[in-house]
Amino acid sequence: MMPYGEADMRALIATIFTLLSASVMAADCPAFLNHDLRKLHSADSVNLCDLAAGKPMLVVNTASHCGYTGQFEGLEALHREYSGEGLVVVGFASDDFRQEAATEEEAASVCFKNFGVTFTMIAPTAVTGSDANPVFRAINNQSRQPDWNFNKYVVNDRGEVIEAFPSRVAPDSAELRNAIDRVVADR
């Protein structure tokens, strides 16, 4: 049996710590968030466990050519105001209600150029019915599926939908802000 040197022991301990940390993170992240989702108009993907494990979220289904598209501005304001408190805002572009842009380039332009969105936007995907992406399938099972664009779901740090808001509830509304305040305070 060969004796281990101090450097070998440190490397072994670091490896064990890394594996345990990854296991704890995976255990803390709900399975429905553990998917690689392509970002809007990008080859890059994001795994919501990497982005939001252990953090509250505001999840919104969006569309570029909807009467509620102006809500991007308010969603960005919420992102800027609450990101320091751990809130993660994620928009899911969707054409389920036939109001998404014809191309991802155009959808990205609406989000990023017209409204200055810096929060994570997911490439167009289904948010309703049996074709819904895994995140919205879980949200729909916990709450209700979107009945139009810009439905907002406040999700706690354990992946539970705490409250759902229809399109007409603006990002700066007292009821949505109160729900966000509660979920951020409960962390």
Protein backbone atom coordinates (compact mmCIF):
# COMPACT_ATOMS: atom_id res chain seq x y z
CA MET A 1 0.00 0.00 0.00
CA MET A 2 1.41 3.36 -1.04
CA PRO A 3 1.17 6.24 1.39
CA TYR A 4 -0.74 9.27 0.15
CA GLY A 5 1.00 12.59 0.15
CA GLU A 6 -0.59 15.80 1.35
CA ALA A 7 -1.27 16.98 -2.22
CA ASP A 8 -2.98 13.67 -3.05
CA MET A 9 -5.20 13.94 0.04
CA ARG A 10 -6.15 17.54 -0.80
CA ALA A 11 -7.05 16.53 -4.35
CA LEU A 12 -9.13 13.61 -3.06
CA ILE A 13 -10.94 15.83 -0.55
CA ALA A 14 -11.61 18.45 -3.25
CA THR A 15 -13.04 15.77 -5.55
CA ILE A 16 -15.29 14.41 -2.81
CA PHE A 17 -16.46 17.92 -1.92
CA THR A 18 -17.27 18.65 -5.58
CA LEU A 19 -19.26 15.43 -5.94
CA LEU A 20 -21.17 16.06 -2.71
CA SER A 21 -21.92 19.66 -3.70
CA ALA A 22 -23.27 18.51 -7.07
CA SER A 23 -25.41 15.87 -5.35
CA VAL A 24 -26.83 18.40 -2.89
CA MET A 25 -27.60 20.85 -5.70
CA ALA A 26 -29.28 18.14 -7.76
CA ALA A 27 -31.31 17.05 -4.74
CA ASP A 28 -32.35 20.67 -4.07
CA CYS A 29 -33.47 21.26 -7.64
CA PRO A 30 -36.85 19.96 -8.78
CA ALA A 31 -36.58 17.52 -11.69
CA PHE A 32 -38.79 19.66 -13.95
CA LEU A 33 -36.14 22.41 -13.91
CA ASN A 34 -33.30 20.03 -14.73
CA HIS A 35 -33.47 20.40 -18.51
CA ASP A 36 -31.25 22.14 -21.01
CA LEU A 37 -33.35 24.77 -22.74
CA ARG A 38 -32.12 26.78 -25.68
CA LYS A 39 -31.96 30.52 -25.16
CA LEU A 40 -33.87 32.80 -27.51
CA HIS A 41 -32.06 33.36 -30.83
CA SER A 42 -28.92 31.63 -29.57
CA ALA A 43 -27.04 28.37 -29.88
CA ASP A 44 -26.50 28.52 -26.09
CA SER A 45 -28.62 26.56 -23.66
CA VAL A 46 -29.40 27.09 -20.02
CA ASN A 47 -30.27 24.54 -17.36
CA LEU A 48 -32.72 26.09 -14.93
CA CYS A 49 -31.19 24.07 -12.08
CA ASP A 50 -27.90 25.85 -12.75
CA LEU A 51 -29.69 29.19 -13.00
CA ALA A 52 -32.29 28.95 -10.25
CA ALA A 53 -31.74 26.01 -7.86
CA GLY A 54 -32.72 27.17 -4.40
CA LYS A 55 -34.01 30.52 -5.68
CA PRO A 56 -37.54 31.83 -6.21
CA MET A 57 -38.61 32.39 -9.80
CA LEU A 58 -41.04 34.42 -11.83
CA VAL A 59 -41.90 32.38 -14.94
CA VAL A 60 -43.79 34.05 -17.80
CA ASN A 61 -45.03 32.81 -21.17
CA THR A 62 -44.42 35.56 -23.72
CA ALA A 63 -45.16 36.54 -27.31
CA SER A 64 -43.72 39.34 -29.42
CA HIS A 65 -46.91 40.51 -31.15
CA CYS A 66 -49.42 40.55 -28.31
CA GLY A 67 -51.30 43.43 -26.78
CA TYR A 68 -49.42 42.64 -23.57
CA THR A 69 -45.94 42.73 -25.14
CA GLY A 70 -45.31 46.07 -23.40
CA GLN A 71 -45.14 44.07 -20.16
CA PHE A 72 -41.55 43.14 -21.09
CA GLU A 73 -40.58 46.56 -19.71
CA GLY A 74 -42.19 45.84 -16.33
CA LEU A 75 -40.75 42.32 -16.21
CA GLU A 76 -37.29 43.76 -16.82
CA ALA A 77 -37.88 46.26 -13.99
CA LEU A 78 -38.81 43.38 -11.65
CA HIS A 79 -35.69 41.50 -12.74
CA ARG A 80 -33.47 44.48 -11.99
CA GLU A 81 -35.16 45.23 -8.68
CA TYR A 82 -35.33 41.71 -7.27
CA SER A 83 -32.33 39.87 -8.75
CA GLY A 84 -30.20 41.03 -5.80
CA GLU A 85 -32.70 39.30 -3.51
CA GLY A 86 -32.39 36.05 -5.45
CA LEU A 87 -35.44 36.23 -7.74
CA VAL A 88 -34.85 34.69 -11.18
CA VAL A 89 -37.10 35.91 -14.00
CA VAL A 90 -37.45 33.55 -16.97
CA GLY A 91 -39.51 34.23 -20.08
CA PHE A 92 -40.67 31.43 -22.35
CA ALA A 93 -41.37 32.65 -25.88
CA SER A 94 -44.33 30.73 -27.28
CA ASP A 95 -46.57 30.73 -30.31
CA ASP A 96 -49.35 28.76 -28.60
CA PHE A 97 -51.70 31.72 -29.08
CA ARG A 98 -50.41 32.60 -32.58
CA GLN A 99 -48.80 35.90 -31.59
CA GLU A 100 -45.09 35.11 -31.60
CA ALA A 101 -42.84 36.65 -34.22
CA ALA A 102 -42.29 34.71 -37.43
CA THR A 103 -38.57 34.32 -36.68
CA GLU A 104 -36.48 34.05 -33.54
CA GLU A 105 -34.39 36.95 -34.79
CA GLU A 106 -37.49 39.17 -34.80
CA ALA A 107 -38.61 37.89 -31.38
CA ALA A 108 -35.14 38.58 -29.99
CA SER A 109 -35.20 42.08 -31.46
CA VAL A 110 -38.52 42.81 -29.75
CA CYS A 111 -37.24 41.53 -26.40
CA PHE A 112 -33.65 42.67 -26.35
CA LYS A 113 -33.63 45.79 -28.52
CA ASN A 114 -37.13 47.23 -28.12
CA PHE A 115 -37.53 46.49 -24.40
CA GLY A 116 -33.95 46.02 -23.16
CA VAL A 117 -34.63 42.57 -21.69
CA THR A 118 -31.64 41.15 -19.82
CA PHE A 119 -33.41 38.32 -17.98
CA THR A 120 -33.26 34.80 -19.43
CA MET A 121 -35.49 34.24 -22.44
CA ILE A 122 -36.09 30.71 -23.71
CA ALA A 123 -36.49 29.97 -27.44
CA PRO A 124 -40.08 29.45 -28.65
CA THR A 125 -41.65 26.36 -27.16
CA ALA A 126 -45.11 25.07 -26.32
CA VAL A 127 -46.51 26.05 -22.92
CA THR A 128 -49.94 24.42 -23.13
CA GLY A 129 -51.36 20.95 -23.70
CA SER A 130 -49.49 17.70 -24.12
CA ASP A 131 -46.74 19.41 -26.16
CA ALA A 132 -45.83 21.80 -23.31
CA ASN A 133 -42.15 21.90 -22.40
CA PRO A 134 -41.23 20.10 -19.12
CA VAL A 135 -41.19 23.31 -17.10
CA PHE A 136 -44.68 24.36 -18.15
CA ARG A 137 -45.99 20.80 -17.92
CA ALA A 138 -45.07 20.86 -14.21
CA ILE A 139 -46.35 24.41 -13.70
CA ASN A 140 -49.63 23.52 -15.44
CA ASN A 141 -50.03 20.46 -13.19
CA GLN A 142 -49.42 22.54 -10.08
CA SER A 143 -51.53 25.50 -11.10
CA ARG A 144 -53.33 26.20 -14.35
CA GLN A 145 -52.02 26.38 -17.87
CA PRO A 146 -51.78 29.75 -19.57
CA ASP A 147 -54.96 30.88 -21.26
CA TRP A 148 -53.14 33.65 -23.11
CA ASN A 149 -49.70 35.26 -23.37
CA PHE A 150 -47.98 36.87 -20.37
CA ASN A 151 -49.37 34.64 -17.64
CA LYS A 152 -47.08 34.98 -14.62
CA TYR A 153 -46.18 32.22 -12.17
CA VAL A 154 -44.47 32.94 -8.86
CA VAL A 155 -42.48 29.85 -7.92
CA ASN A 156 -40.79 29.37 -4.55
CA ASP A 157 -37.23 28.14 -3.98
CA ARG A 158 -38.50 24.53 -3.84
CA GLY A 159 -40.14 24.71 -7.28
CA GLU A 160 -43.71 25.06 -6.02
CA VAL A 161 -46.08 27.45 -7.78
CA ILE A 162 -47.20 29.83 -5.05
CA GLU A 163 -49.45 32.03 -7.15
CA ALA A 164 -50.47 32.44 -10.79
CA PHE A 165 -51.55 35.66 -12.45
CA PRO A 166 -53.35 36.15 -15.77
CA SER A 167 -52.15 38.43 -18.56
CA ARG A 168 -54.13 41.43 -17.35
CA VAL A 169 -52.13 41.58 -14.09
CA ALA A 170 -49.28 43.96 -14.91
CA PRO A 171 -45.75 43.40 -13.61
CA ASP A 172 -45.99 46.53 -11.46
CA SER A 173 -49.33 45.53 -9.91
CA ALA A 174 -49.51 45.42 -6.12
CA GLU A 175 -50.82 41.84 -6.13
CA LEU A 176 -47.90 40.47 -8.16
CA ARG A 177 -45.32 42.49 -6.23
CA ASN A 178 -46.80 41.29 -2.92
CA ALA A 179 -46.51 37.66 -4.06
CA ILE A 180 -42.90 38.25 -5.11
CA ASP A 181 -42.13 39.97 -1.80
CA ARG A 182 -43.52 36.97 0.09
CA VAL A 183 -41.62 34.35 -1.92
CA VAL A 184 -38.36 36.33 -1.64
CA ALA A 185 -38.82 36.81 2.11
CA ASP A 186 -39.55 33.09 2.63
CA ARG A 187 -36.15 32.02 1.26
